[in-house]
Amino acid sequence: MVLSRVRTEQKSPAGLEFSALSVPAPGETECGDAWHLRKIDGHLWAMVVDGLGHGPLAAVAAAEAVRLFCNNSLKTPLGYLEAAHLGLQSSRGAALAVAEIDFSSHELHYAGVGNIVSSIVAPTGGNRSLISHNGIVGVQVRKLQQFDYKWHEGDLLVMHSDGMSGRWKLDRYPGIVLADTGLIAALLYRDGKRGRDDTTVLVVRLQQP
């Protein structure tokens, strides 16, 4: 596997390394998945959204979730999900998950609805799966809830849509957990993609600068 990067003038915040792949379903030109990162007051926020189905209408739902993520004051992951549930009611809806990494408390705060798969992967291996509730944001949600997890130096946050199987384990690939996030994202996509839906995978490594 070969990694190639294109450098831009915009630099990532110190201590932040991330990579993402977002690929439309076969036969589609628009991707119904999306992802975004924000860093606010020393907290890193990450979101992945999967618009219901695929194609242009799914892409509209995903784009609206990203717009709300960028324009929202983002007090808590739960607060963002509540705003997104209202904001996506004119769309077909989406699966949606958001994580906030707080350096001061060494915690990751997380809220999700639908089949976005998210995990914390330790540098020594081993996954901690993050909990989402069933439902479709903007359409029908029985429960919105935030969960809190410990975040350790060098941990990876992996989030992906259901276009990729959730049965991956990075410890099957010796040493890969310490590799560049671009290699990790590409490996997960290569070996886990289902090949019949939009697929997005986001890998984030955040260390104290």
Protein backbone atom coordinates (compact mmCIF):
# COMPACT_ATOMS: atom_id res chain seq x y z
CA MET A 1 0.00 0.00 0.00
CA VAL A 2 1.35 3.45 -1.00
CA LEU A 3 0.48 6.74 0.74
CA SER A 4 0.55 10.07 -1.11
CA ARG A 5 -0.36 13.45 0.41
CA VAL A 6 -1.02 16.83 -1.23
CA ARG A 7 0.10 19.69 1.00
CA THR A 8 -1.99 22.87 1.27
CA GLU A 9 -1.34 26.23 2.89
CA GLN A 10 -3.90 25.48 5.58
CA LYS A 11 -2.28 23.68 8.51
CA SER A 12 -3.96 21.32 10.95
CA PRO A 13 -3.90 22.34 14.63
CA ALA A 14 -0.85 21.09 16.56
CA GLY A 15 -1.25 17.51 17.72
CA LEU A 16 -4.02 16.71 15.25
CA GLU A 17 -3.68 14.08 12.54
CA PHE A 18 -6.69 12.91 10.56
CA SER A 19 -7.68 11.27 7.30
CA ALA A 20 -11.02 10.47 5.70
CA LEU A 21 -12.45 8.73 2.66
CA SER A 22 -15.94 9.42 1.36
CA VAL A 23 -17.03 7.44 -1.70
CA PRO A 24 -20.47 7.46 -3.40
CA ALA A 25 -22.44 4.29 -4.02
CA PRO A 26 -21.82 2.50 -7.33
CA GLY A 27 -23.55 4.35 -10.16
CA GLU A 28 -23.96 7.58 -8.16
CA THR A 29 -22.11 10.86 -8.68
CA GLU A 30 -23.14 12.42 -5.36
CA CYS A 31 -22.24 10.93 -2.00
CA GLY A 32 -24.98 10.72 0.63
CA ASP A 33 -22.34 10.53 3.39
CA ALA A 34 -20.31 13.40 4.81
CA TRP A 35 -17.90 14.19 7.64
CA HIS A 36 -16.47 17.27 9.29
CA LEU A 37 -14.06 18.35 12.04
CA ARG A 38 -14.01 21.50 14.18
CA LYS A 39 -11.63 22.60 16.91
CA ILE A 40 -13.22 24.97 19.43
CA ASP A 41 -11.56 26.25 22.61
CA GLY A 42 -9.19 23.31 22.80
CA HIS A 43 -11.91 20.74 22.14
CA LEU A 44 -11.96 18.69 18.94
CA TRP A 45 -15.35 17.89 17.44
CA ALA A 46 -15.86 15.19 14.80
CA MET A 47 -19.02 14.15 12.99
CA VAL A 48 -20.04 11.59 10.38
CA VAL A 49 -23.44 11.58 8.72
CA ASP A 50 -25.13 9.09 6.37
CA GLY A 51 -28.18 10.48 4.57
CA LEU A 52 -30.94 7.89 4.29
CA GLY A 53 -30.46 5.82 1.14
CA HIS A 54 -28.07 7.24 -1.43
CA GLY A 55 -27.98 9.68 -4.32
CA PRO A 56 -28.93 13.40 -4.47
CA LEU A 57 -31.58 13.42 -1.73
CA ALA A 58 -29.28 11.61 0.68
CA ALA A 59 -26.56 14.14 -0.19
CA VAL A 60 -28.96 17.01 0.63
CA ALA A 61 -29.64 15.56 4.10
CA ALA A 62 -25.93 15.05 4.74
CA ALA A 63 -25.07 18.57 3.59
CA GLU A 64 -27.67 20.05 5.93
CA ALA A 65 -26.22 18.08 8.87
CA VAL A 66 -22.77 19.48 8.05
CA ARG A 67 -24.15 23.02 7.74
CA LEU A 68 -25.77 22.74 11.16
CA PHE A 69 -22.53 21.35 12.58
CA CYS A 70 -20.53 24.29 11.22
CA ASN A 71 -23.04 26.96 12.30
CA ASN A 72 -24.03 25.52 15.70
CA SER A 73 -22.39 26.82 18.88
CA LEU A 74 -21.69 23.16 19.81
CA LYS A 75 -22.08 23.15 23.56
CA THR A 76 -22.51 19.35 23.81
CA PRO A 77 -22.85 16.44 21.36
CA LEU A 78 -26.37 15.88 22.69
CA GLY A 79 -27.26 19.52 22.02
CA TYR A 80 -26.05 19.22 18.43
CA LEU A 81 -28.11 16.08 17.84
CA GLU A 82 -31.20 17.81 19.20
CA ALA A 83 -30.64 20.73 16.80
CA ALA A 84 -29.97 18.35 13.90
CA HIS A 85 -33.15 16.38 14.60
CA LEU A 86 -35.15 19.59 14.17
CA GLY A 87 -33.09 20.88 11.27
CA LEU A 88 -33.33 17.69 9.19
CA GLN A 89 -37.11 17.32 9.40
CA SER A 90 -37.55 18.71 5.88
CA SER A 91 -35.11 16.12 4.53
CA ARG A 92 -35.29 12.34 4.23
CA GLY A 93 -33.27 12.09 7.47
CA ALA A 94 -29.93 10.57 8.33
CA ALA A 95 -27.84 8.42 10.62
CA LEU A 96 -25.61 10.81 12.51
CA ALA A 97 -22.92 10.69 15.19
CA VAL A 98 -20.77 13.36 16.82
CA ALA A 99 -17.80 13.12 19.19
CA GLU A 100 -16.14 15.81 21.31
CA ILE A 101 -12.64 15.23 22.68
CA ASP A 102 -11.90 17.28 25.81
CA PHE A 103 -8.21 17.46 26.72
CA SER A 104 -8.79 19.06 30.11
CA SER A 105 -10.85 16.14 31.40
CA HIS A 106 -9.23 13.46 29.19
CA GLU A 107 -12.71 12.44 28.07
CA LEU A 108 -14.54 11.83 24.82
CA HIS A 109 -18.22 12.82 24.81
CA TYR A 110 -20.34 11.07 22.20
CA ALA A 111 -23.90 10.97 20.91
CA GLY A 112 -25.24 9.08 17.92
CA VAL A 113 -28.42 7.90 16.23
CA GLY A 114 -28.51 5.20 13.59
CA ASN A 115 -25.84 2.98 12.15
CA ILE A 116 -22.71 5.13 12.27
CA VAL A 117 -20.04 2.86 13.78
CA SER A 118 -17.55 4.58 16.10
CA SER A 119 -14.70 3.23 18.20
CA ILE A 120 -11.76 4.37 20.30
CA VAL A 121 -8.65 2.34 19.48
CA ALA A 122 -5.75 2.34 21.96
CA PRO A 123 -2.13 2.54 20.70
CA THR A 124 -1.57 -0.89 22.24
CA GLY A 125 -4.59 -2.32 20.41
CA GLY A 126 -8.13 -3.07 21.52
CA ASN A 127 -11.37 -1.31 20.58
CA ARG A 128 -13.94 0.44 22.73
CA SER A 129 -17.19 0.67 20.78
CA LEU A 130 -19.20 3.87 21.21
CA ILE A 131 -22.95 3.61 21.78
CA SER A 132 -25.61 4.98 19.42
CA HIS A 133 -29.38 4.67 19.69
CA ASN A 134 -31.69 3.41 16.96
CA GLY A 135 -33.58 5.85 14.78
CA ILE A 136 -33.30 8.35 11.93
CA VAL A 137 -32.34 11.92 12.75
CA GLY A 138 -35.00 14.26 11.38
CA VAL A 139 -37.59 11.49 11.05
CA GLN A 140 -37.99 9.31 14.13
CA VAL A 141 -35.80 9.16 17.21
CA ARG A 142 -36.92 7.39 20.36
CA LYS A 143 -34.05 8.52 22.54
CA LEU A 144 -31.18 11.00 22.37
CA GLN A 145 -28.40 10.35 24.86
CA GLN A 146 -24.80 11.34 25.42
CA PHE A 147 -22.14 8.90 26.61
CA ASP A 148 -18.76 9.74 28.15
CA TYR A 149 -15.54 7.75 27.68
CA LYS A 150 -11.95 8.14 28.86
CA TRP A 151 -9.55 9.44 26.21
CA HIS A 152 -5.86 8.55 26.48
CA GLU A 153 -2.82 10.04 24.80
CA GLY A 154 -2.35 8.55 21.32
CA ASP A 155 -5.84 7.00 21.06
CA LEU A 156 -7.47 6.79 17.64
CA LEU A 157 -11.08 7.77 16.97
CA VAL A 158 -12.54 5.77 14.08
CA MET A 159 -16.00 6.64 12.71
CA HIS A 160 -17.63 5.19 9.60
CA SER A 161 -20.94 4.74 7.83
CA ASP A 162 -22.62 1.40 7.18
CA GLY A 163 -21.14 1.25 3.70
CA MET A 164 -18.30 -0.48 5.54
CA SER A 165 -18.51 -3.53 7.76
CA GLY A 166 -18.15 -2.87 11.47
CA ARG A 167 -16.35 -6.17 12.12
CA TRP A 168 -12.83 -4.80 11.78
CA LYS A 169 -10.02 -5.11 14.31
CA LEU A 170 -6.84 -3.13 13.79
CA ASP A 171 -4.85 -5.59 15.88
CA ARG A 172 -5.21 -8.02 12.98
CA TYR A 173 -2.64 -5.82 11.23
CA PRO A 174 0.48 -5.68 13.45
CA GLY A 175 1.78 -2.14 13.90
CA ILE A 176 -0.93 -0.44 11.82
CA VAL A 177 -2.47 1.35 14.80
CA LEU A 178 0.68 3.51 15.02
CA ALA A 179 0.78 4.21 11.27
CA ASP A 180 -0.30 7.35 9.43
CA THR A 181 -4.06 7.89 9.68
CA GLY A 182 -4.25 7.90 5.88
CA LEU A 183 -2.94 4.34 5.74
CA ILE A 184 -5.37 3.26 8.46
CA ALA A 185 -8.38 4.80 6.70
CA ALA A 186 -7.37 3.27 3.35
CA LEU A 187 -6.83 -0.16 4.89
CA LEU A 188 -10.21 -0.12 6.65
CA TYR A 189 -11.92 0.95 3.42
CA ARG A 190 -10.09 -1.61 1.28
CA ASP A 191 -10.90 -4.56 3.51
CA GLY A 192 -14.26 -3.46 4.91
CA LYS A 193 -16.25 -1.81 2.12
CA ARG A 194 -19.50 -3.53 1.25
CA GLY A 195 -19.55 -2.12 -2.31
CA ARG A 196 -23.27 -1.34 -2.52
CA ASP A 197 -23.72 1.94 -0.65
CA ASP A 198 -22.04 5.25 0.08
CA THR A 199 -19.01 4.71 2.28
CA THR A 200 -17.24 7.12 4.61
CA VAL A 201 -14.47 6.40 7.12
CA LEU A 202 -12.81 9.01 9.35
CA VAL A 203 -9.69 8.32 11.43
CA VAL A 204 -8.49 10.90 13.97
CA ARG A 205 -5.41 10.89 16.17
CA LEU A 206 -5.21 13.77 18.63
CA GLN A 207 -2.32 14.23 21.04
CA GLN A 208 -1.56 17.01 23.47
CA PRO A 209 0.57 19.56 21.57
